[in-house]
């Protein structure tokens, strides 16, 4: 239900809210003419009712036709200047000021025959006496909410715009569009996840390997052995001198795969140090350097790697081994 009212002075139609009318006891201020009026007197429903007819306050009624014999058919003329004859239906009247009568009464007496229209409080016809001082002096009207914008204006109050926005997002069409967008985004996210973890997906589900291979032909990627460095550990390692030579060392490393699927063989970061802990040499060693038989480590198994190193002119007393994927 959308309630509205009409300004009693300028006739502008406004939307109103019942909660605000209860707070102000129905009194509102027009945003077009700043007139304070009671909105409850002209309240109507925009969805079901039509705006009531509006009669401007203080507008004169259309004159009734006068009969030929009535006095209104011969309007009287106002007196002219002092001593000037006035023609009133063939009768000459000489205007003279009244003596011994105060000035206000004299001015009223000079206009005898043209009575001032009486002001009826209940009639729309009357003399404009200006703003009602009782209304202007009513302090509680000041904190009233600002006048509501007219219906024909494009800018609506903030609470109406907020309600319209919420209703728009809750409409069936908006819900269908949001659901379709959510499904589309979820599908795109799933496709990105499969593309990123394609090697692991092919190892876990071999039946999907052909589909992933077709996707890689379109996307320009390759399928390889999964890489999970957290599932590979160094079981044992050693650095010993090879024979009697003081510059040749034999490095042996045993790697263990704790995962339930085959993983790619990682590289070994070897750092040689002297007696003071300073780095003597550092090198990254791959499967080709160890002359490994396979580039993968079977599931839940170990692989032994060995390598001969030559360090000329440097005294090596320690080493460090770390695993990584290049």
Protein backbone atom coordinates (compact mmCIF):
# COMPACT_ATOMS: atom_id res chain seq x y z
CA UNK A 1 0.00 0.00 0.00
CA UNK A 2 1.41 3.39 -1.08
CA UNK A 3 -0.19 6.32 0.76
CA UNK A 4 -0.24 9.88 -0.55
CA UNK A 5 -1.81 13.23 0.26
CA UNK A 6 -2.39 16.55 -1.51
CA UNK A 7 -1.21 19.96 -0.36
CA UNK A 8 -4.18 22.15 0.46
CA UNK A 9 -2.46 25.28 -0.84
CA UNK A 10 -0.62 24.36 -4.07
CA UNK A 11 -2.28 21.00 -4.83
CA UNK A 12 0.97 19.00 -5.09
CA UNK A 13 0.65 15.26 -4.39
CA UNK A 14 3.21 13.69 -2.02
CA UNK A 15 4.00 10.19 -0.83
CA UNK A 16 3.71 9.76 2.94
CA UNK A 17 4.60 7.04 5.46
CA UNK A 18 2.34 6.00 8.31
CA UNK A 19 5.17 5.88 10.86
CA UNK A 20 6.15 9.49 10.19
CA UNK A 21 2.52 10.60 10.28
CA UNK A 22 2.13 9.00 13.72
CA UNK A 23 5.19 10.86 15.02
CA UNK A 24 4.01 14.25 13.73
CA UNK A 25 0.29 13.53 14.40
CA UNK A 26 -0.46 13.98 10.71
CA UNK A 27 1.12 17.43 10.27
CA UNK A 28 3.56 17.86 7.39
CA UNK A 29 5.17 20.75 5.55
CA UNK A 30 4.90 21.08 1.76
CA UNK A 31 8.27 21.08 0.01
CA UNK A 32 6.99 23.29 -2.79
CA UNK A 33 5.15 26.10 -1.02
CA UNK A 34 6.26 25.46 2.62
CA UNK A 35 2.64 25.31 3.75
CA UNK A 36 1.92 23.31 6.94
CA UNK A 37 -1.21 21.16 6.65
CA UNK A 38 -2.76 17.99 8.07
CA UNK A 39 -2.00 15.11 5.71
CA UNK A 40 -4.64 12.86 7.28
CA UNK A 41 -7.51 14.95 5.88
CA UNK A 42 -6.63 14.19 2.25
CA UNK A 43 -5.01 10.76 2.69
CA UNK A 44 -5.58 8.22 -0.11
CA UNK A 45 -4.02 5.06 -1.59
CA UNK A 46 -2.09 5.57 -4.82
CA UNK A 47 -2.57 1.95 -5.93
CA UNK A 48 -6.37 1.89 -5.56
CA UNK A 49 -7.71 5.43 -5.25
CA UNK A 50 -7.55 8.50 -7.42
CA UNK A 51 -6.32 11.83 -6.01
CA UNK A 52 -9.21 13.89 -4.59
CA UNK A 53 -10.32 17.05 -6.35
CA UNK A 54 -8.39 20.10 -5.25
CA UNK A 55 -9.89 23.55 -4.72
CA UNK A 56 -7.26 26.28 -4.12
CA UNK A 57 -7.59 28.00 -0.77
CA UNK A 58 -8.77 31.61 -1.26
CA UNK A 59 -9.78 31.11 -4.92
CA UNK A 60 -12.92 33.12 -5.85
CA UNK A 61 -16.00 31.24 -7.00
CA UNK A 62 -17.25 31.94 -10.53
CA UNK A 63 -19.76 34.84 -10.50
CA UNK A 64 -23.44 34.04 -10.89
CA UNK A 65 -25.28 35.72 -13.78
CA UNK A 66 -27.23 38.75 -12.54
CA UNK A 67 -30.82 39.44 -13.50
CA UNK A 68 -31.50 42.64 -15.45
CA UNK A 69 -33.46 44.20 -12.60
CA UNK A 70 -31.07 43.41 -9.81
CA UNK A 71 -28.69 46.01 -8.36
CA UNK A 72 -25.73 43.91 -9.47
CA UNK A 73 -26.64 44.63 -13.09
CA UNK A 74 -25.75 48.30 -12.47
CA UNK A 75 -22.56 48.37 -10.46
CA UNK A 76 -22.08 51.46 -8.36
CA UNK A 77 -19.19 53.76 -9.02
CA UNK A 78 -16.82 54.73 -6.28
CA UNK A 79 -16.74 58.42 -5.38
CA UNK A 80 -14.11 60.47 -7.09
CA UNK A 81 -12.07 63.33 -5.73
CA UNK A 82 -13.51 65.84 -3.33
CA UNK A 83 -16.05 68.11 -4.97
CA UNK A 84 -16.17 66.00 -8.19
CA UNK A 85 -19.68 64.98 -9.33
CA UNK A 86 -20.27 61.29 -9.83
CA UNK A 87 -22.71 59.89 -12.33
CA UNK A 88 -24.77 57.10 -10.73
CA UNK A 89 -27.63 56.17 -13.01
CA UNK A 90 -28.37 59.78 -13.94
CA UNK A 91 -28.18 61.14 -10.39
CA UNK A 92 -25.54 63.68 -9.55
CA UNK A 93 -24.01 63.25 -6.13
CA UNK A 94 -21.57 65.72 -4.69
CA UNK A 95 -18.95 64.14 -2.49
CA UNK A 96 -18.03 65.98 0.66
CA UNK A 97 -15.99 64.69 3.63
CA UNK A 98 -17.86 64.13 6.85
CA UNK A 99 -17.09 66.57 9.55
CA UNK A 100 -16.50 65.59 13.12
CA UNK A 101 -15.86 61.94 12.22
CA UNK A 102 -12.47 60.29 12.85
CA UNK A 103 -10.30 59.58 9.84
CA UNK A 104 -10.84 55.76 9.77
CA UNK A 105 -14.60 56.17 10.01
CA UNK A 106 -14.55 58.87 7.38
CA UNK A 107 -12.71 56.63 4.97
CA UNK A 108 -15.24 53.89 5.61
CA UNK A 109 -18.14 56.28 5.12
CA UNK A 110 -16.72 57.39 1.79
CA UNK A 111 -17.16 53.90 0.44
CA UNK A 112 -20.75 53.39 1.50
CA UNK A 113 -22.57 51.32 -1.10
CA UNK A 114 -19.61 48.99 -1.79
CA UNK A 115 -19.67 46.57 1.13
CA UNK A 116 -16.56 44.53 1.90
CA UNK A 117 -17.12 40.78 1.37
CA UNK A 118 -17.44 38.96 4.66
CA UNK A 119 -14.88 36.32 5.46
CA UNK A 120 -16.47 32.97 6.16
CA UNK A 121 -14.06 30.61 8.00
CA UNK A 122 -15.66 27.56 6.46
CA UNK A 123 -15.83 28.97 2.92
CA UNK A 124 -12.94 28.96 0.43
CA UNK A 125 -13.81 32.60 -0.35
CA UNK A 126 -12.38 35.18 2.02
CA UNK A 127 -9.88 37.86 2.58
CA UNK A 128 -6.24 36.76 2.59
CA UNK A 129 -5.05 37.56 6.09
CA UNK A 130 -1.57 36.09 5.54
CA UNK A 131 -0.03 33.20 7.41
CA UNK A 132 -1.76 32.00 10.52
CA UNK A 133 0.38 33.16 13.46
CA UNK A 134 -0.78 30.16 15.50
CA UNK A 135 0.69 27.81 12.92
CA UNK A 136 3.93 29.78 12.54
CA UNK A 137 4.41 29.97 16.31
CA UNK A 138 3.90 26.22 16.77
CA UNK A 139 7.42 25.08 17.69
CA UNK A 140 6.80 21.29 17.37
CA UNK A 141 6.40 21.77 13.59
CA UNK A 142 10.07 22.65 13.17
CA UNK A 143 11.50 19.20 13.96
CA UNK A 144 9.01 17.56 11.63
CA UNK A 145 10.58 15.58 8.78
CA UNK A 146 11.27 17.54 5.64
CA UNK A 147 8.49 17.69 3.10
CA UNK A 148 8.28 14.66 0.91
CA UNK A 149 9.19 15.21 -2.74
CA UNK A 150 6.20 15.24 -5.11
CA UNK A 151 5.31 12.11 -7.01
CA UNK A 152 6.10 13.67 -10.35
CA UNK A 153 9.68 14.42 -9.29
CA UNK A 154 12.35 11.84 -10.20
CA UNK A 155 14.19 12.09 -6.88
CA UNK A 156 12.42 10.09 -4.14
CA UNK A 157 13.27 10.01 -0.43
CA UNK A 158 16.14 7.78 0.66
CA UNK A 159 13.94 5.27 2.49
CA UNK A 160 11.73 4.86 -0.58
CA UNK A 161 14.74 4.33 -2.85
CA UNK A 162 16.11 1.78 -0.39
CA UNK A 163 12.81 -0.11 -0.26
CA UNK A 164 12.52 -0.09 -4.06
CA UNK A 165 16.08 -1.38 -4.39
CA UNK A 166 15.44 -4.23 -1.95
CA UNK A 167 12.22 -5.15 -3.73
CA UNK A 168 14.03 -5.12 -7.09
CA UNK A 169 16.73 -7.53 -5.88
CA UNK A 170 14.08 -9.85 -4.39
CA UNK A 171 12.03 -10.08 -7.56
CA UNK A 172 11.86 -13.49 -9.33
CA UNK A 173 13.74 -12.16 -12.36
CA UNK A 174 16.61 -10.89 -10.21
CA UNK A 175 16.79 -14.18 -8.30
CA UNK A 176 17.00 -16.17 -11.53
CA UNK A 177 19.73 -13.89 -12.89
CA UNK A 178 21.74 -14.12 -9.65
CA UNK A 179 21.41 -17.92 -9.59
CA UNK A 180 22.63 -18.19 -13.17
CA UNK A 181 25.56 -15.90 -12.43
CA UNK A 182 26.46 -17.93 -9.32
CA UNK A 183 26.43 -21.18 -11.32
CA UNK A 184 28.55 -19.61 -14.04
CA UNK A 185 31.11 -18.33 -11.55
CA UNK A 186 31.21 -21.67 -9.72
CA UNK A 187 31.83 -23.46 -13.02
CA UNK A 188 34.65 -21.05 -13.89
CA UNK A 189 36.24 -21.52 -10.46
CA UNK A 190 36.06 -25.31 -10.78
CA UNK A 191 37.67 -25.15 -14.22
CA UNK A 192 40.52 -23.03 -12.86
CA UNK A 193 41.07 -25.49 -9.98
CA UNK A 194 41.19 -28.47 -12.34
CA UNK A 195 43.62 -26.63 -14.63
CA UNK A 196 45.91 -25.75 -11.72
CA UNK A 197 45.89 -29.26 -10.20
CA UNK A 198 45.70 -31.14 -13.53
CA UNK A 199 48.76 -33.32 -12.78
CA UNK A 200 47.36 -34.43 -9.43
CA UNK A 201 43.89 -35.01 -10.94
CA UNK A 202 45.35 -37.18 -13.72
CA UNK A 203 47.30 -39.24 -11.14
CA UNK A 204 44.30 -39.73 -8.82
CA UNK A 205 41.75 -40.42 -11.56
CA UNK A 206 43.46 -42.13 -14.52
CA UNK A 207 40.14 -42.31 -16.38
CA UNK A 208 40.12 -38.52 -16.66
CA UNK A 209 43.62 -38.35 -18.11
CA UNK A 210 42.37 -38.40 -21.72
CA UNK A 211 39.96 -35.51 -21.05
CA UNK A 212 42.70 -33.51 -19.32
CA UNK A 213 45.05 -34.17 -22.22
CA UNK A 214 42.44 -32.78 -24.63
CA UNK A 215 42.04 -29.72 -22.44
CA UNK A 216 45.80 -29.15 -22.41
CA UNK A 217 45.84 -29.23 -26.20
CA UNK A 218 43.33 -26.35 -26.17
CA UNK A 219 44.88 -24.40 -23.29
CA UNK A 220 48.50 -25.00 -24.36
CA UNK A 221 49.57 -26.82 -21.17
CA UNK A 222 51.21 -30.20 -20.46
CA UNK A 223 50.45 -33.11 -18.15
CA UNK A 224 53.24 -34.31 -15.88
CA UNK A 225 53.96 -36.21 -12.71
CA UNK A 226 52.47 -34.59 -9.58
CA UNK A 227 54.81 -32.54 -7.39
CA UNK A 228 54.20 -32.59 -3.64
CA UNK A 229 57.38 -31.70 -1.81
CA UNK A 230 55.67 -32.11 1.58
CA UNK A 231 55.26 -35.87 0.93
CA UNK A 232 58.97 -36.44 0.21
CA UNK A 233 61.55 -36.64 2.97
CA UNK A 234 65.29 -37.32 3.26
CA UNK A 235 65.63 -40.66 5.02
CA UNK A 236 69.45 -40.61 5.10
CA UNK A 237 72.39 -38.79 3.55
CA UNK A 238 76.18 -38.93 3.70
CA UNK A 239 79.29 -37.17 2.38
CA UNK A 240 82.51 -39.24 2.45
CA UNK A 241 85.89 -39.05 0.76
CA UNK A 242 86.24 -41.21 -2.31
CA UNK A 243 89.54 -43.17 -2.03
CA UNK A 244 92.71 -41.46 -0.95
CA UNK A 245 92.02 -38.19 -2.78
CA UNK A 246 91.30 -35.24 -0.51
CA UNK A 247 89.35 -33.33 -3.19
CA UNK A 248 86.84 -36.03 -4.22
CA UNK A 249 83.72 -36.80 -2.19
CA UNK A 250 80.85 -39.25 -2.56
CA UNK A 251 77.39 -37.90 -1.80
CA UNK A 252 74.61 -40.41 -1.07
CA UNK A 253 70.98 -39.42 -0.46
CA UNK A 254 67.98 -41.65 0.25
CA UNK A 255 64.55 -40.13 -0.50
CA UNK A 256 61.22 -41.55 0.65
CA UNK A 257 57.79 -40.94 -0.90
CA UNK A 258 55.08 -41.05 1.80
CA UNK A 259 52.18 -40.36 -0.62
CA UNK A 260 49.83 -42.98 -2.06
CA UNK A 261 50.71 -42.01 -5.64
CA UNK A 262 53.92 -41.59 -7.66
CA UNK A 263 55.61 -38.20 -7.38
CA UNK A 264 58.21 -36.39 -9.46
CA UNK A 265 61.82 -36.68 -8.32
CA UNK A 266 62.85 -33.42 -6.67
CA UNK A 267 66.17 -31.59 -6.98
CA UNK A 268 68.75 -31.52 -4.20
CA UNK A 269 70.26 -28.27 -2.94
CA UNK A 270 73.78 -29.19 -1.67
CA UNK A 271 75.78 -26.69 0.40
CA UNK A 272 79.41 -27.48 1.44
CA UNK A 273 80.90 -25.63 4.46
CA UNK A 274 84.32 -25.39 6.11
CA UNK A 275 85.28 -25.72 9.77
CA UNK A 276 84.06 -22.18 10.55
CA UNK A 277 80.62 -22.79 9.00
CA UNK A 278 81.34 -20.60 5.95
CA UNK A 279 79.97 -21.74 2.60
CA UNK A 280 82.63 -23.32 0.44
CA UNK A 281 80.43 -24.37 -2.47
CA UNK A 282 76.74 -24.61 -3.28
CA UNK A 283 75.05 -26.45 -6.14
CA UNK A 284 71.60 -27.65 -7.25
CA UNK A 285 71.61 -31.30 -8.31
CA UNK A 286 68.84 -32.86 -10.39
CA UNK A 287 67.99 -36.40 -11.37
CA UNK A 288 70.31 -36.25 -14.38
CA UNK A 289 73.27 -35.35 -12.14
CA UNK A 290 72.58 -38.41 -9.99
CA UNK A 291 72.00 -40.51 -13.15
CA UNK A 292 68.67 -41.65 -11.72
CA UNK A 293 66.96 -44.51 -13.52
CA UNK A 294 63.50 -42.87 -13.27
CA UNK A 295 62.35 -39.29 -12.88
CA UNK A 296 59.60 -40.40 -10.47
CA UNK A 297 59.44 -41.93 -7.02
CA UNK A 298 56.87 -44.74 -6.77
CA UNK A 299 54.13 -44.50 -4.17
CA UNK A 300 55.21 -45.40 -0.60
CA UNK A 301 58.76 -46.31 -1.65
CA UNK A 302 62.36 -45.11 -1.42
CA UNK A 303 65.00 -44.16 -3.97
CA UNK A 304 68.81 -44.09 -3.41
CA UNK A 305 70.92 -41.44 -5.17
CA UNK A 306 74.72 -41.23 -5.33
CA UNK A 307 77.14 -38.68 -6.83
CA UNK A 308 80.92 -38.05 -6.92
CA UNK A 309 82.04 -34.46 -6.23
CA UNK A 310 85.41 -32.81 -6.69
CA UNK A 311 86.31 -29.76 -4.62
CA UNK A 312 89.81 -28.57 -5.49
CA UNK A 313 91.90 -26.57 -3.03
CA UNK A 314 89.19 -26.19 -0.39
CA UNK A 315 88.82 -27.97 2.92
CA UNK A 316 85.27 -29.29 3.36
CA UNK A 317 84.13 -30.32 6.80
CA UNK A 318 80.34 -30.14 6.60
CA UNK A 319 77.33 -30.10 4.24
CA UNK A 320 73.60 -29.38 4.10
CA UNK A 321 70.98 -31.12 1.90
CA UNK A 322 67.58 -29.59 1.07
CA UNK A 323 64.87 -30.71 -1.40
CA UNK A 324 62.95 -28.46 -3.83
CA UNK A 325 61.16 -28.46 -7.15
CA UNK A 326 62.64 -26.07 -9.74
